[in-house]
Amino acid sequence: MTLKILGIIAILWVLQGVLTYFQVRNLQNKIRELKKKGRVGLGSSKGRFSPGSIVLIAVDDDGKIVEAYRMSGMTVFARFREFDEIKGLYLQEVSYYLSSEKSGSLKKALENALEMLKEKN
C-alpha cells in the first residue's frame, strides 16, 4: 500500500515538472514575441497561499504600451491572457490604473514590470 502511494506521488511530481516546463516555454515564447514589438518589461509576484501573477509589457519608443499580457493563478494550468485594460496607455498613465487595481499580486507584478521598463531608459 505504501509503495502504491509513493508511486502515485512520484508520478504526480514528474507530471508537475513536465507541465512547469511547458509553462516556462510559453513564457519564453511570449517574451520573444514581445521583443519584436519594443522594449519588454516583466514583473512577477508570488503568493505563498494566494494566486501569483506575471505581467509582460511591450512598449514602443514613445513609452506607449503596444502589447500587454498577464497570468494569474496557483497552478501550472494558468495561461497568459491579454491585458487590455492597460494596452494603449502611456507608462505615465498606468499609475491611474494601479490606484484602482484590487488584486495585490497583479498590482505588485505590474509595478515590477513598470520598474523594469524605467530602469531600461
PDB file of N, CA and C in Angstrom:
ATOM      1  N   MET A   1       0.818  -1.197   0.000  1.00  0.00           N
ATOM      2  CA  MET A   1       0.000   0.000   0.000  1.00  0.00           C
ATOM      3  C   MET A   1       0.867   1.268   0.000  1.00  0.00           C
ATOM      4  N   THR A   2       1.896   1.271   0.853  1.00  0.00           N
ATOM      5  CA  THR A   2       2.792   2.419   0.933  1.00  0.00           C
ATOM      6  C   THR A   2       3.530   2.627  -0.383  1.00  0.00           C
ATOM      7  N   LEU A   3       3.896   1.527  -1.030  1.00  0.00           N
ATOM      8  CA  LEU A   3       4.605   1.609  -2.308  1.00  0.00           C
ATOM      9  C   LEU A   3       3.720   2.229  -3.384  1.00  0.00           C
ATOM     10  N   LYS A   4       2.421   1.895  -3.375  1.00  0.00           N
ATOM     11  CA  LYS A   4       1.481   2.476  -4.341  1.00  0.00           C
ATOM     12  C   LYS A   4       1.349   3.982  -4.141  1.00  0.00           C
ATOM     13  N   ILE A   5       1.237   4.396  -2.890  1.00  0.00           N
ATOM     14  CA  ILE A   5       1.114   5.827  -2.588  1.00  0.00           C
ATOM     15  C   ILE A   5       2.374   6.568  -3.021  1.00  0.00           C
ATOM     16  N   LEU A   6       3.546   6.014  -2.726  1.00  0.00           N
ATOM     17  CA  LEU A   6       4.796   6.631  -3.162  1.00  0.00           C
ATOM     18  C   LEU A   6       4.889   6.690  -4.688  1.00  0.00           C
ATOM     19  N   GLY A   7       4.397   5.666  -5.356  1.00  0.00           N
ATOM     20  CA  GLY A   7       4.383   5.648  -6.823  1.00  0.00           C
ATOM     21  C   GLY A   7       3.493   6.740  -7.388  1.00  0.00           C
ATOM     22  N   ILE A   8       2.316   6.906  -6.791  1.00  0.00           N
ATOM     23  CA  ILE A   8       1.389   7.952  -7.235  1.00  0.00           C
ATOM     24  C   ILE A   8       2.003   9.332  -7.006  1.00  0.00           C
ATOM     25  N   ILE A   9       2.616   9.530  -5.861  1.00  0.00           N
ATOM     26  CA  ILE A   9       3.262  10.815  -5.564  1.00  0.00           C
ATOM     27  C   ILE A   9       4.378  11.083  -6.571  1.00  0.00           C
ATOM     28  N   ALA A  10       5.171  10.067  -6.893  1.00  0.00           N
ATOM     29  CA  ALA A  10       6.262  10.233  -7.857  1.00  0.00           C
ATOM     30  C   ALA A  10       5.723  10.595  -9.238  1.00  0.00           C
ATOM     31  N   ILE A  11       4.656   9.948  -9.665  1.00  0.00           N
ATOM     32  CA  ILE A  11       4.051  10.240 -10.971  1.00  0.00           C
ATOM     33  C   ILE A  11       3.517  11.669 -11.003  1.00  0.00           C
ATOM     34  N   LEU A  12       2.849  12.088  -9.945  1.00  0.00           N
ATOM     35  CA  LEU A  12       2.326  13.455  -9.882  1.00  0.00           C
ATOM     36  C   LEU A  12       3.456  14.485  -9.875  1.00  0.00           C
ATOM     37  N   TRP A  13       4.548  14.168  -9.208  1.00  0.00           N
ATOM     38  CA  TRP A  13       5.699  15.074  -9.158  1.00  0.00           C
ATOM     39  C   TRP A  13       6.313  15.234 -10.550  1.00  0.00           C
ATOM     40  N   VAL A  14       6.463  14.136 -11.268  1.00  0.00           N
ATOM     41  CA  VAL A  14       7.002  14.192 -12.633  1.00  0.00           C
ATOM     42  C   VAL A  14       6.042  14.951 -13.543  1.00  0.00           C
ATOM     43  N   LEU A  15       4.748  14.719 -13.398  1.00  0.00           N
ATOM     44  CA  LEU A  15       3.743  15.420 -14.209  1.00  0.00           C
ATOM     45  C   LEU A  15       3.812  16.929 -13.963  1.00  0.00           C
ATOM     46  N   GLN A  16       3.965  17.318 -12.701  1.00  0.00           N
ATOM     47  CA  GLN A  16       4.088  18.733 -12.388  1.00  0.00           C
ATOM     48  C   GLN A  16       5.327  19.321 -13.050  1.00  0.00           C
ATOM     49  N   GLY A  17       6.422  18.596 -13.045  1.00  0.00           N
ATOM     50  CA  GLY A  17       7.646  19.059 -13.688  1.00  0.00           C
ATOM     51  C   GLY A  17       7.465  19.245 -15.188  1.00  0.00           C
ATOM     52  N   VAL A  18       6.785  18.319 -15.830  1.00  0.00           N
ATOM     53  CA  VAL A  18       6.533  18.416 -17.270  1.00  0.00           C
ATOM     54  C   VAL A  18       5.647  19.617 -17.574  1.00  0.00           C
ATOM     55  N   LEU A  19       4.582  19.798 -16.808  1.00  0.00           N
ATOM     56  CA  LEU A  19       3.676  20.930 -17.033  1.00  0.00           C
ATOM     57  C   LEU A  19       4.369  22.267 -16.753  1.00  0.00           C
ATOM     58  N   THR A  20       5.243  22.298 -15.758  1.00  0.00           N
ATOM     59  CA  THR A  20       6.010  23.512 -15.468  1.00  0.00           C
ATOM     60  C   THR A  20       6.930  23.846 -16.636  1.00  0.00           C
ATOM     61  N   TYR A  21       7.539  22.826 -17.229  1.00  0.00           N
ATOM     62  CA  TYR A  21       8.397  23.027 -18.394  1.00  0.00           C
ATOM     63  C   TYR A  21       7.621  23.716 -19.517  1.00  0.00           C
ATOM     64  N   PHE A  22       6.408  23.251 -19.798  1.00  0.00           N
ATOM     65  CA  PHE A  22       5.604  23.847 -20.863  1.00  0.00           C
ATOM     66  C   PHE A  22       5.178  25.275 -20.515  1.00  0.00           C
ATOM     67  N   GLN A  23       4.931  25.533 -19.242  1.00  0.00           N
ATOM     68  CA  GLN A  23       4.559  26.883 -18.832  1.00  0.00           C
ATOM     69  C   GLN A  23       5.734  27.844 -18.997  1.00  0.00           C
ATOM     70  N   VAL A  24       6.927  27.419 -18.654  1.00  0.00           N
ATOM     71  CA  VAL A  24       8.115  28.254 -18.822  1.00  0.00           C
ATOM     72  C   VAL A  24       8.393  28.476 -20.307  1.00  0.00           C
ATOM     73  N   ARG A  25       8.205  27.461 -21.107  1.00  0.00           N
ATOM     74  CA  ARG A  25       8.380  27.605 -22.561  1.00  0.00           C
ATOM     75  C   ARG A  25       7.396  28.612 -23.135  1.00  0.00           C
ATOM     76  N   ASN A  26       6.158  28.582 -22.641  1.00  0.00           N
ATOM     77  CA  ASN A  26       5.143  29.551 -23.055  1.00  0.00           C
ATOM     78  C   ASN A  26       5.592  30.968 -22.704  1.00  0.00           C
ATOM     79  N   LEU A  27       6.138  31.158 -21.510  1.00  0.00           N
ATOM     80  CA  LEU A  27       6.646  32.463 -21.079  1.00  0.00           C
ATOM     81  C   LEU A  27       7.774  32.929 -21.995  1.00  0.00           C
ATOM     82  N   GLN A  28       8.715  32.052 -22.286  1.00  0.00           N
ATOM     83  CA  GLN A  28       9.841  32.418 -23.156  1.00  0.00           C
ATOM     84  C   GLN A  28       9.363  32.797 -24.555  1.00  0.00           C
ATOM     85  N   ASN A  29       8.384  32.081 -25.077  1.00  0.00           N
ATOM     86  CA  ASN A  29       7.843  32.398 -26.404  1.00  0.00           C
ATOM     87  C   ASN A  29       7.160  33.759 -26.410  1.00  0.00           C
ATOM     88  N   LYS A  30       6.408  34.076 -25.350  1.00  0.00           N
ATOM     89  CA  LYS A  30       5.744  35.381 -25.254  1.00  0.00           C
ATOM     90  C   LYS A  30       6.770  36.504 -25.199  1.00  0.00           C
ATOM     91  N   ILE A  31       7.833  36.311 -24.426  1.00  0.00           N
ATOM     92  CA  ILE A  31       8.873  37.336 -24.322  1.00  0.00           C
ATOM     93  C   ILE A  31       9.523  37.555 -25.685  1.00  0.00           C
ATOM     94  N   ARG A  32       9.843  36.472 -26.385  1.00  0.00           N
ATOM     95  CA  ARG A  32      10.449  36.578 -27.709  1.00  0.00           C
ATOM     96  C   ARG A  32       9.529  37.329 -28.672  1.00  0.00           C
ATOM     97  N   GLU A  33       8.237  37.016 -28.608  1.00  0.00           N
ATOM     98  CA  GLU A  33       7.235  37.663 -29.465  1.00  0.00           C
ATOM     99  C   GLU A  33       7.144  39.164 -29.160  1.00  0.00           C
ATOM    100  N   LEU A  34       7.161  39.520 -27.880  1.00  0.00           N
ATOM    101  CA  LEU A  34       7.036  40.921 -27.490  1.00  0.00           C
ATOM    102  C   LEU A  34       8.295  41.728 -27.795  1.00  0.00           C
ATOM    103  N   LYS A  35       9.464  41.102 -27.756  1.00  0.00           N
ATOM    104  CA  LYS A  35      10.705  41.816 -28.047  1.00  0.00           C
ATOM    105  C   LYS A  35      10.714  42.349 -29.477  1.00  0.00           C
ATOM    106  N   LYS A  36       9.960  41.738 -30.366  1.00  0.00           N
ATOM    107  CA  LYS A  36       9.871  42.202 -31.745  1.00  0.00           C
ATOM    108  C   LYS A  36       9.079  43.505 -31.845  1.00  0.00           C
ATOM    109  N   LYS A  37       8.281  43.806 -30.815  1.00  0.00           N
ATOM    110  CA  LYS A  37       7.404  44.981 -30.836  1.00  0.00           C
ATOM    111  C   LYS A  37       7.959  46.164 -30.060  1.00  0.00           C
ATOM    112  N   GLY A  38       9.002  45.950 -29.274  1.00  0.00           N
ATOM    113  CA  GLY A  38       9.576  47.049 -28.499  1.00  0.00           C
ATOM    114  C   GLY A  38      10.287  46.552 -27.263  1.00  0.00           C
ATOM    115  N   ARG A  39      10.534  47.487 -26.338  1.00  0.00           N
ATOM    116  CA  ARG A  39      11.157  47.134 -25.062  1.00  0.00           C
ATOM    117  C   ARG A  39      10.175  46.320 -24.242  1.00  0.00           C
ATOM    118  N   VAL A  40      10.686  45.369 -23.490  1.00  0.00           N
ATOM    119  CA  VAL A  40       9.817  44.465 -22.729  1.00  0.00           C
ATOM    120  C   VAL A  40      10.095  44.602 -21.241  1.00  0.00           C
ATOM    121  N   GLY A  41       9.017  44.702 -20.490  1.00  0.00           N
ATOM    122  CA  GLY A  41       9.085  44.689 -19.038  1.00  0.00           C
ATOM    123  C   GLY A  41       8.378  43.461 -18.515  1.00  0.00           C
ATOM    124  N   LEU A  42       8.995  42.788 -17.556  1.00  0.00           N
ATOM    125  CA  LEU A  42       8.409  41.595 -16.963  1.00  0.00           C
ATOM    126  C   LEU A  42       8.352  41.801 -15.463  1.00  0.00           C
ATOM    127  N   GLY A  43       7.198  41.575 -14.900  1.00  0.00           N
ATOM    128  CA  GLY A  43       7.038  41.687 -13.460  1.00  0.00           C
ATOM    129  C   GLY A  43       6.338  40.460 -12.922  1.00  0.00           C
ATOM    130  N   SER A  44       6.719  40.057 -11.737  1.00  0.00           N
ATOM    131  CA  SER A  44       6.069  38.889 -11.142  1.00  0.00           C
ATOM    132  C   SER A  44       5.867  39.112  -9.657  1.00  0.00           C
ATOM    133  N   SER A  45       4.903  38.406  -9.140  1.00  0.00           N
ATOM    134  CA  SER A  45       4.609  38.449  -7.722  1.00  0.00           C
ATOM    135  C   SER A  45       4.124  37.063  -7.319  1.00  0.00           C
ATOM    136  N   LYS A  46       4.839  36.455  -6.388  1.00  0.00           N
ATOM    137  CA  LYS A  46       4.463  35.118  -5.949  1.00  0.00           C
ATOM    138  C   LYS A  46       3.644  35.214  -4.673  1.00  0.00           C
ATOM    139  N   GLY A  47       2.544  34.499  -4.657  1.00  0.00           N
ATOM    140  CA  GLY A  47       1.763  34.409  -3.441  1.00  0.00           C
ATOM    141  C   GLY A  47       2.012  33.068  -2.791  1.00  0.00           C
ATOM    142  N   ARG A  48       2.274  33.073  -1.518  1.00  0.00           N
ATOM    143  CA  ARG A  48       2.553  31.803  -0.847  1.00  0.00           C
ATOM    144  C   ARG A  48       1.303  30.923  -0.803  1.00  0.00           C
ATOM    145  N   PHE A  49       0.192  31.499  -0.374  1.00  0.00           N
ATOM    146  CA  PHE A  49      -1.060  30.755  -0.337  1.00  0.00           C
ATOM    147  C   PHE A  49      -2.142  31.446  -1.141  1.00  0.00           C
ATOM    148  N   SER A  50      -1.742  32.399  -1.961  1.00  0.00           N
ATOM    149  CA  SER A  50      -2.685  33.100  -2.831  1.00  0.00           C
ATOM    150  C   SER A  50      -2.135  33.037  -4.252  1.00  0.00           C
ATOM    151  N   PRO A  51      -2.985  33.319  -5.235  1.00  0.00           N
ATOM    152  CA  PRO A  51      -2.519  33.234  -6.626  1.00  0.00           C
ATOM    153  C   PRO A  51      -1.385  34.207  -6.909  1.00  0.00           C
ATOM    154  N   GLY A  52      -0.390  33.741  -7.641  1.00  0.00           N
ATOM    155  CA  GLY A  52       0.701  34.599  -8.081  1.00  0.00           C
ATOM    156  C   GLY A  52       0.341  35.222  -9.418  1.00  0.00           C
ATOM    157  N   SER A  53       1.131  36.196  -9.845  1.00  0.00           N
ATOM    158  CA  SER A  53       0.868  36.881 -11.109  1.00  0.00           C
ATOM    159  C   SER A  53       2.162  37.174 -11.843  1.00  0.00           C
ATOM    160  N   ILE A  54       2.065  37.160 -13.174  1.00  0.00           N
ATOM    161  CA  ILE A  54       3.156  37.571 -14.038  1.00  0.00           C
ATOM    162  C   ILE A  54       2.574  38.559 -15.036  1.00  0.00           C
ATOM    163  N   VAL A  55       3.271  39.665 -15.264  1.00  0.00           N
ATOM    164  CA  VAL A  55       2.824  40.677 -16.227  1.00  0.00           C
ATOM    165  C   VAL A  55       3.951  40.897 -17.234  1.00  0.00           C
ATOM    166  N   LEU A  56       3.604  40.887 -18.512  1.00  0.00           N
ATOM    167  CA  LEU A  56       4.533  41.186 -19.604  1.00  0.00           C
ATOM    168  C   LEU A  56       4.014  42.405 -20.344  1.00  0.00           C
ATOM    169  N   ILE A  57       4.899  43.390 -20.563  1.00  0.00           N
ATOM    170  CA  ILE A  57       4.508  44.623 -21.237  1.00  0.00           C
ATOM    171  C   ILE A  57       5.520  44.924 -22.340  1.00  0.00           C
ATOM    172  N   ALA A  58       5.033  45.229 -23.537  1.00  0.00           N
ATOM    173  CA  ALA A  58       5.882  45.712 -24.628  1.00  0.00           C
ATOM    174  C   ALA A  58       5.568  47.181 -24.863  1.00  0.00           C
ATOM    175  N   VAL A  59       6.624  48.008 -24.902  1.00  0.00           N
ATOM    176  CA  VAL A  59       6.475  49.454 -25.009  1.00  0.00           C
ATOM    177  C   VAL A  59       7.246  49.943 -26.232  1.00  0.00           C
ATOM    178  N   ASP A  60       6.640  50.865 -26.984  1.00  0.00           N
ATOM    179  CA  ASP A  60       7.345  51.445 -28.128  1.00  0.00           C
ATOM    180  C   ASP A  60       8.287  52.555 -27.670  1.00  0.00           C
ATOM    181  N   ASP A  61       8.938  53.224 -28.614  1.00  0.00           N
ATOM    182  CA  ASP A  61       9.931  54.259 -28.269  1.00  0.00           C
ATOM    183  C   ASP A  61       9.320  55.468 -27.575  1.00  0.00           C
ATOM    184  N   ASP A  62       8.012  55.697 -27.779  1.00  0.00           N
ATOM    185  CA  ASP A  62       7.337  56.833 -27.158  1.00  0.00           C
ATOM    186  C   ASP A  62       6.838  56.532 -25.747  1.00  0.00           C
ATOM    187  N   GLY A  63       6.980  55.287 -25.296  1.00  0.00           N
ATOM    188  CA  GLY A  63       6.503  54.915 -23.970  1.00  0.00           C
ATOM    189  C   GLY A  63       5.055  54.463 -23.964  1.00  0.00           C
ATOM    190  N   LYS A  64       4.513  54.131 -25.140  1.00  0.00           N
ATOM    191  CA  LYS A  64       3.134  53.655 -25.249  1.00  0.00           C
ATOM    192  C   LYS A  64       3.125  52.132 -25.201  1.00  0.00           C
ATOM    193  N   ILE A  65       2.218  51.580 -24.421  1.00  0.00           N
ATOM    194  CA  ILE A  65       2.116  50.127 -24.287  1.00  0.00           C
ATOM    195  C   ILE A  65       1.432  49.574 -25.534  1.00  0.00           C
ATOM    196  N   VAL A  66       2.187  48.786 -26.315  1.00  0.00           N
ATOM    197  CA  VAL A  66       1.642  48.236 -27.556  1.00  0.00           C
ATOM    198  C   VAL A  66       1.060  46.841 -27.350  1.00  0.00           C
ATOM    199  N   GLU A  67       1.602  46.095 -26.415  1.00  0.00           N
ATOM    200  CA  GLU A  67       1.084  44.769 -26.072  1.00  0.00           C
ATOM    201  C   GLU A  67       1.253  44.553 -24.581  1.00  0.00           C
ATOM    202  N   ALA A  68       0.317  43.853 -23.973  1.00  0.00           N
ATOM    203  CA  ALA A  68       0.425  43.525 -22.551  1.00  0.00           C
ATOM    204  C   ALA A  68      -0.298  42.210 -22.282  1.00  0.00           C
ATOM    205  N   TYR A  69       0.316  41.386 -21.468  1.00  0.00           N
ATOM    206  CA  TYR A  69      -0.268  40.096 -21.087  1.00  0.00           C
ATOM    207  C   TYR A  69      -0.124  39.917 -19.587  1.00  0.00           C
ATOM    208  N   ARG A  70      -1.044  39.146 -19.030  1.00  0.00           N
ATOM    209  CA  ARG A  70      -0.963  38.816 -17.604  1.00  0.00           C
ATOM    210  C   ARG A  70      -1.310  37.353 -17.406  1.00  0.00           C
ATOM    211  N   MET A  71      -0.724  36.782 -16.379  1.00  0.00           N
ATOM    212  CA  MET A  71      -1.019  35.406 -15.997  1.00  0.00           C
ATOM    213  C   MET A  71      -1.212  35.404 -14.494  1.00  0.00           C
ATOM    214  N   SER A  72      -2.324  34.869 -14.049  1.00  0.00           N
ATOM    215  CA  SER A  72      -2.592  34.764 -12.612  1.00  0.00           C
ATOM    216  C   SER A  72      -3.106  33.374 -12.317  1.00  0.00           C
ATOM    217  N   GLY A  73      -2.645  32.834 -11.221  1.00  0.00           N
ATOM    218  CA  GLY A  73      -3.142  31.531 -10.821  1.00  0.00           C
ATOM    219  C   GLY A  73      -2.212  30.850  -9.844  1.00  0.00           C
ATOM    220  N   MET A  74      -2.677  29.711  -9.344  1.00  0.00           N
ATOM    221  CA  MET A  74      -1.908  28.951  -8.370  1.00  0.00           C
ATOM    222  C   MET A  74      -1.360  27.650  -8.944  1.00  0.00           C
ATOM    223  N   THR A  75      -1.739  27.328 -10.174  1.00  0.00           N
ATOM    224  CA  THR A  75      -1.347  26.042 -10.736  1.00  0.00           C
ATOM    225  C   THR A  75      -0.583  26.229 -12.033  1.00  0.00           C
ATOM    226  N   VAL A  76      -0.046  25.125 -12.542  1.00  0.00           N
ATOM    227  CA  VAL A  76       0.682  25.153 -13.807  1.00  0.00           C
ATOM    228  C   VAL A  76      -0.260  25.255 -15.002  1.00  0.00           C
ATOM    229  N   PHE A  77      -1.560  25.262 -14.747  1.00  0.00           N
ATOM    230  CA  PHE A  77      -2.530  25.362 -15.835  1.00  0.00           C
ATOM    231  C   PHE A  77      -2.854  26.811 -16.206  1.00  0.00           C
ATOM    232  N   ALA A  78      -2.330  27.771 -15.457  1.00  0.00           N
ATOM    233  CA  ALA A  78      -2.564  29.185 -15.766  1.00  0.00           C
ATOM    234  C   ALA A  78      -1.888  29.526 -17.093  1.00  0.00           C
ATOM    235  N   ARG A  79      -2.538  30.354 -17.888  1.00  0.00           N
ATOM    236  CA  ARG A  79      -2.012  30.768 -19.187  1.00  0.00           C
ATOM    237  C   ARG A  79      -2.086  32.281 -19.312  1.00  0.00           C
ATOM    238  N   PHE A  80      -1.316  32.826 -20.248  1.00  0.00           N
ATOM    239  CA  PHE A  80      -1.328  34.264 -20.481  1.00  0.00           C
ATOM    240  C   PHE A  80      -2.630  34.690 -21.138  1.00  0.00           C
ATOM    241  N   ARG A  81      -3.136  35.828 -20.664  1.00  0.00           N
ATOM    242  CA  ARG A  81      -4.314  36.465 -21.252  1.00  0.00           C
ATOM    243  C   ARG A  81      -3.941  37.904 -21.578  1.00  0.00           C
ATOM    244  N   GLU A  82      -4.583  38.459 -22.593  1.00  0.00           N
ATOM    245  CA  GLU A  82      -4.306  39.843 -22.944  1.00  0.00           C
ATOM    246  C   GLU A  82      -4.717  40.758 -21.792  1.00  0.00           C
ATOM    247  N   PHE A  83      -3.929  41.779 -21.575  1.00  0.00           N
ATOM    248  CA  PHE A  83      -4.154  42.743 -20.501  1.00  0.00           C
ATOM    249  C   PHE A  83      -4.660  44.025 -21.161  1.00  0.00           C
ATOM    250  N   ASP A  84      -5.907  43.981 -21.637  1.00  0.00           N
ATOM    251  CA  ASP A  84      -6.485  45.063 -22.429  1.00  0.00           C
ATOM    252  C   ASP A  84      -6.659  46.363 -21.646  1.00  0.00           C
ATOM    253  N   GLU A  85      -6.763  46.269 -20.323  1.00  0.00           N
ATOM    254  CA  GLU A  85      -7.005  47.459 -19.512  1.00  0.00           C
ATOM    255  C   GLU A  85      -5.868  48.484 -19.617  1.00  0.00           C
ATOM    256  N   ILE A  86      -4.651  48.015 -19.849  1.00  0.00           N
ATOM    257  CA  ILE A  86      -3.525  48.955 -19.924  1.00  0.00           C
ATOM    258  C   ILE A  86      -2.984  49.107 -21.342  1.00  0.00           C
ATOM    259  N   LYS A  87      -3.453  48.295 -22.247  1.00  0.00           N
ATOM    260  CA  LYS A  87      -2.986  48.355 -23.633  1.00  0.00           C
ATOM    261  C   LYS A  87      -3.375  49.704 -24.245  1.00  0.00           C
ATOM    262  N   GLY A  88      -2.410  50.372 -24.866  1.00  0.00           N
ATOM    263  CA  GLY A  88      -2.659  51.676 -25.472  1.00  0.00           C
ATOM    264  C   GLY A  88      -2.354  52.846 -24.558  1.00  0.00           C
ATOM    265  N   LEU A  89      -2.141  52.587 -23.277  1.00  0.00           N
ATOM    266  CA  LEU A  89      -1.792  53.657 -22.342  1.00  0.00           C
ATOM    267  C   LEU A  89      -0.301  53.967 -22.438  1.00  0.00           C
ATOM    268  N   TYR A  90       0.060  55.165 -22.024  1.00  0.00           N
ATOM    269  CA  TYR A  90       1.463  55.512 -21.875  1.00  0.00           C
ATOM    270  C   TYR A  90       1.896  55.114 -20.471  1.00  0.00           C
ATOM    271  N   LEU A  91       3.180  54.868 -20.303  1.00  0.00           N
ATOM    272  CA  LEU A  91       3.688  54.411 -19.000  1.00  0.00           C
ATOM    273  C   LEU A  91       3.285  55.338 -17.860  1.00  0.00           C
ATOM    274  N   GLN A  92       3.253  56.647 -18.123  1.00  0.00           N
ATOM    275  CA  GLN A  92       2.891  57.602 -17.087  1.00  0.00           C
ATOM    276  C   GLN A  92       1.424  57.461 -16.679  1.00  0.00           C
ATOM    277  N   GLU A  93       0.584  56.956 -17.559  1.00  0.00           N
ATOM    278  CA  GLU A  93      -0.851  56.844 -17.278  1.00  0.00           C
ATOM    279  C   GLU A  93      -1.203  55.577 -16.506  1.00  0.00           C
ATOM    280  N   VAL A  94      -0.305  54.639 -16.427  1.00  0.00           N
ATOM    281  CA  VAL A  94      -0.604  53.363 -15.776  1.00  0.00           C
ATOM    282  C   VAL A  94      -0.813  53.540 -14.276  1.00  0.00           C
ATOM    283  N   SER A  95      -0.241  54.572 -13.699  1.00  0.00           N
ATOM    284  CA  SER A  95      -0.419  54.797 -12.256  1.00  0.00           C
ATOM    285  C   SER A  95      -1.895  54.996 -11.907  1.00  0.00           C
ATOM    286  N   TYR A  96      -2.682  55.564 -12.814  1.00  0.00           N
ATOM    287  CA  TYR A  96      -4.127  55.708 -12.578  1.00  0.00           C
ATOM    288  C   TYR A  96      -4.792  54.337 -12.505  1.00  0.00           C
ATOM    289  N   TYR A  97      -4.356  53.437 -13.366  1.00  0.00           N
ATOM    290  CA  TYR A  97      -4.906  52.078 -13.330  1.00  0.00           C
ATOM    291  C   TYR A  97      -4.487  51.387 -12.036  1.00  0.00           C
ATOM    292  N   LEU A  98      -3.239  51.576 -11.628  1.00  0.00           N
ATOM    293  CA  LEU A  98      -2.738  50.934 -10.410  1.00  0.00           C
ATOM    294  C   LEU A  98      -3.527  51.344  -9.178  1.00  0.00           C
ATOM    295  N   SER A  99      -3.955  52.603  -9.133  1.00  0.00           N
ATOM    296  CA  SER A  99      -4.686  53.071  -7.953  1.00  0.00           C
ATOM    297  C   SER A  99      -6.053  52.407  -7.821  1.00  0.00           C
ATOM    298  N   SER A 100      -6.601  51.910  -8.931  1.00  0.00           N
ATOM    299  CA  SER A 100      -7.914  51.273  -8.878  1.00  0.00           C
ATOM    300  C   SER A 100      -7.834  49.750  -8.815  1.00  0.00           C
ATOM    301  N   GLU A 101      -6.652  49.181  -9.012  1.00  0.00           N
ATOM    302  CA  GLU A 101      -6.495  47.728  -9.034  1.00  0.00           C
ATOM    303  C   GLU A 101      -6.661  47.143  -7.634  1.00  0.00           C
ATOM    304  N   LYS A 102      -7.473  46.100  -7.533  1.00  0.00           N
ATOM    305  CA  LYS A 102      -7.769  45.470  -6.243  1.00  0.00           C
ATOM    306  C   LYS A 102      -6.809  44.320  -5.928  1.00  0.00           C
ATOM    307  N   SER A 103      -6.455  43.524  -6.931  1.00  0.00           N
ATOM    308  CA  SER A 103      -5.627  42.339  -6.724  1.00  0.00           C
ATOM    309  C   SER A 103      -4.214  42.730  -6.323  1.00  0.00           C
ATOM    310  N   GLY A 104      -3.792  42.307  -5.147  1.00  0.00           N
ATOM    311  CA  GLY A 104      -2.469  42.657  -4.654  1.00  0.00           C
ATOM    312  C   GLY A 104      -1.343  42.071  -5.478  1.00  0.00           C
ATOM    313  N   SER A 105      -1.470  40.798  -5.888  1.00  0.00           N
ATOM    314  CA  SER A 105      -0.383  40.178  -6.635  1.00  0.00           C
ATOM    315  C   SER A 105      -0.281  40.752  -8.047  1.00  0.00           C
ATOM    316  N   LEU A 106      -1.411  41.039  -8.683  1.00  0.00           N
ATOM    317  CA  LEU A 106      -1.382  41.632 -10.018  1.00  0.00           C
ATOM    318  C   LEU A 106      -0.816  43.045  -9.964  1.00  0.00           C
ATOM    319  N   LYS A 107      -1.194  43.788  -8.949  1.00  0.00           N
ATOM    320  CA  LYS A 107      -0.696  45.154  -8.770  1.00  0.00           C
ATOM    321  C   LYS A 107       0.821  45.150  -8.576  1.00  0.00           C
ATOM    322  N   LYS A 108       1.310  44.248  -7.735  1.00  0.00           N
ATOM    323  CA  LYS A 108       2.743  44.143  -7.467  1.00  0.00           C
ATOM    324  C   LYS A 108       3.505  43.731  -8.726  1.00  0.00           C
ATOM    325  N   ALA A 109       2.966  42.779  -9.497  1.00  0.00           N
ATOM    326  CA  ALA A 109       3.621  42.342 -10.728  1.00  0.00           C
ATOM    327  C   ALA A 109       3.674  43.474 -11.744  1.00  0.00           C
ATOM    328  N   LEU A 110       2.610  44.253 -11.839  1.00  0.00           N
ATOM    329  CA  LEU A 110       2.572  45.381 -12.761  1.00  0.00           C
ATOM    330  C   LEU A 110       3.583  46.450 -12.338  1.00  0.00           C
ATOM    331  N   GLU A 111       3.672  46.708 -11.044  1.00  0.00           N
ATOM    332  CA  GLU A 111       4.667  47.665 -10.541  1.00  0.00           C
ATOM    333  C   GLU A 111       6.084  47.203 -10.872  1.00  0.00           C
ATOM    334  N   ASN A 112       6.347  45.901 -10.731  1.00  0.00           N
ATOM    335  CA  ASN A 112       7.665  45.356 -11.048  1.00  0.00           C
ATOM    336  C   ASN A 112       7.992  45.510 -12.530  1.00  0.00           C
ATOM    337  N   ALA A 113       7.019  45.252 -13.397  1.00  0.00           N
ATOM    338  CA  ALA A 113       7.240  45.391 -14.840  1.00  0.00           C
ATOM    339  C   ALA A 113       7.516  46.841 -15.206  1.00  0.00           C
ATOM    340  N   LEU A 114       6.778  47.765 -14.608  1.00  0.00           N
ATOM    341  CA  LEU A 114       6.994  49.188 -14.878  1.00  0.00           C
ATOM    342  C   LEU A 114       8.365  49.632 -14.390  1.00  0.00           C
ATOM    343  N   GLU A 115       8.762  49.142 -13.242  1.00  0.00           N
ATOM    344  CA  GLU A 115      10.084  49.481 -12.699  1.00  0.00           C
ATOM    345  C   GLU A 115      11.181  48.975 -13.629  1.00  0.00           C
ATOM    346  N   MET A 116      11.012  47.786 -14.158  1.00  0.00           N
ATOM    347  CA  MET A 116      11.986  47.219 -15.093  1.00  0.00           C
ATOM    348  C   MET A 116      12.099  48.076 -16.350  1.00  0.00           C
ATOM    349  N   LEU A 117      10.976  48.567 -16.836  1.00  0.00           N
ATOM    350  CA  LEU A 117      10.987  49.417 -18.025  1.00  0.00           C
ATOM    351  C   LEU A 117      11.644  50.767 -17.741  1.00  0.00           C
ATOM    352  N   LYS A 118      11.437  51.298 -16.550  1.00  0.00           N
ATOM    353  CA  LYS A 118      12.057  52.585 -16.187  1.00  0.00           C
ATOM    354  C   LYS A 118      13.572  52.444 -16.080  1.00  0.00           C
ATOM    355  N   GLU A 119      14.038  51.309 -15.604  1.00  0.00           N
ATOM    356  CA  GLU A 119      15.469  51.072 -15.476  1.00  0.00           C
ATOM    357  C   GLU A 119      16.147  50.970 -16.827  1.00  0.00           C
ATOM    358  N   LYS A 120      15.414  50.526 -17.841  1.00  0.00           N
ATOM    359  CA  LYS A 120      15.986  50.370 -19.181  1.00  0.00           C
ATOM    360  C   LYS A 120      16.151  51.695 -19.899  1.00  0.00           C
ATOM    361  N   ASN A 121      15.506  52.741 -19.405  1.00  0.00           N
ATOM    362  CA  ASN A 121      15.601  54.060 -20.062  1.00  0.00           C
ATOM    363  C   ASN A 121      16.919  54.713 -19.864  1.00  0.00           C
TER     364      ASN A 121
END
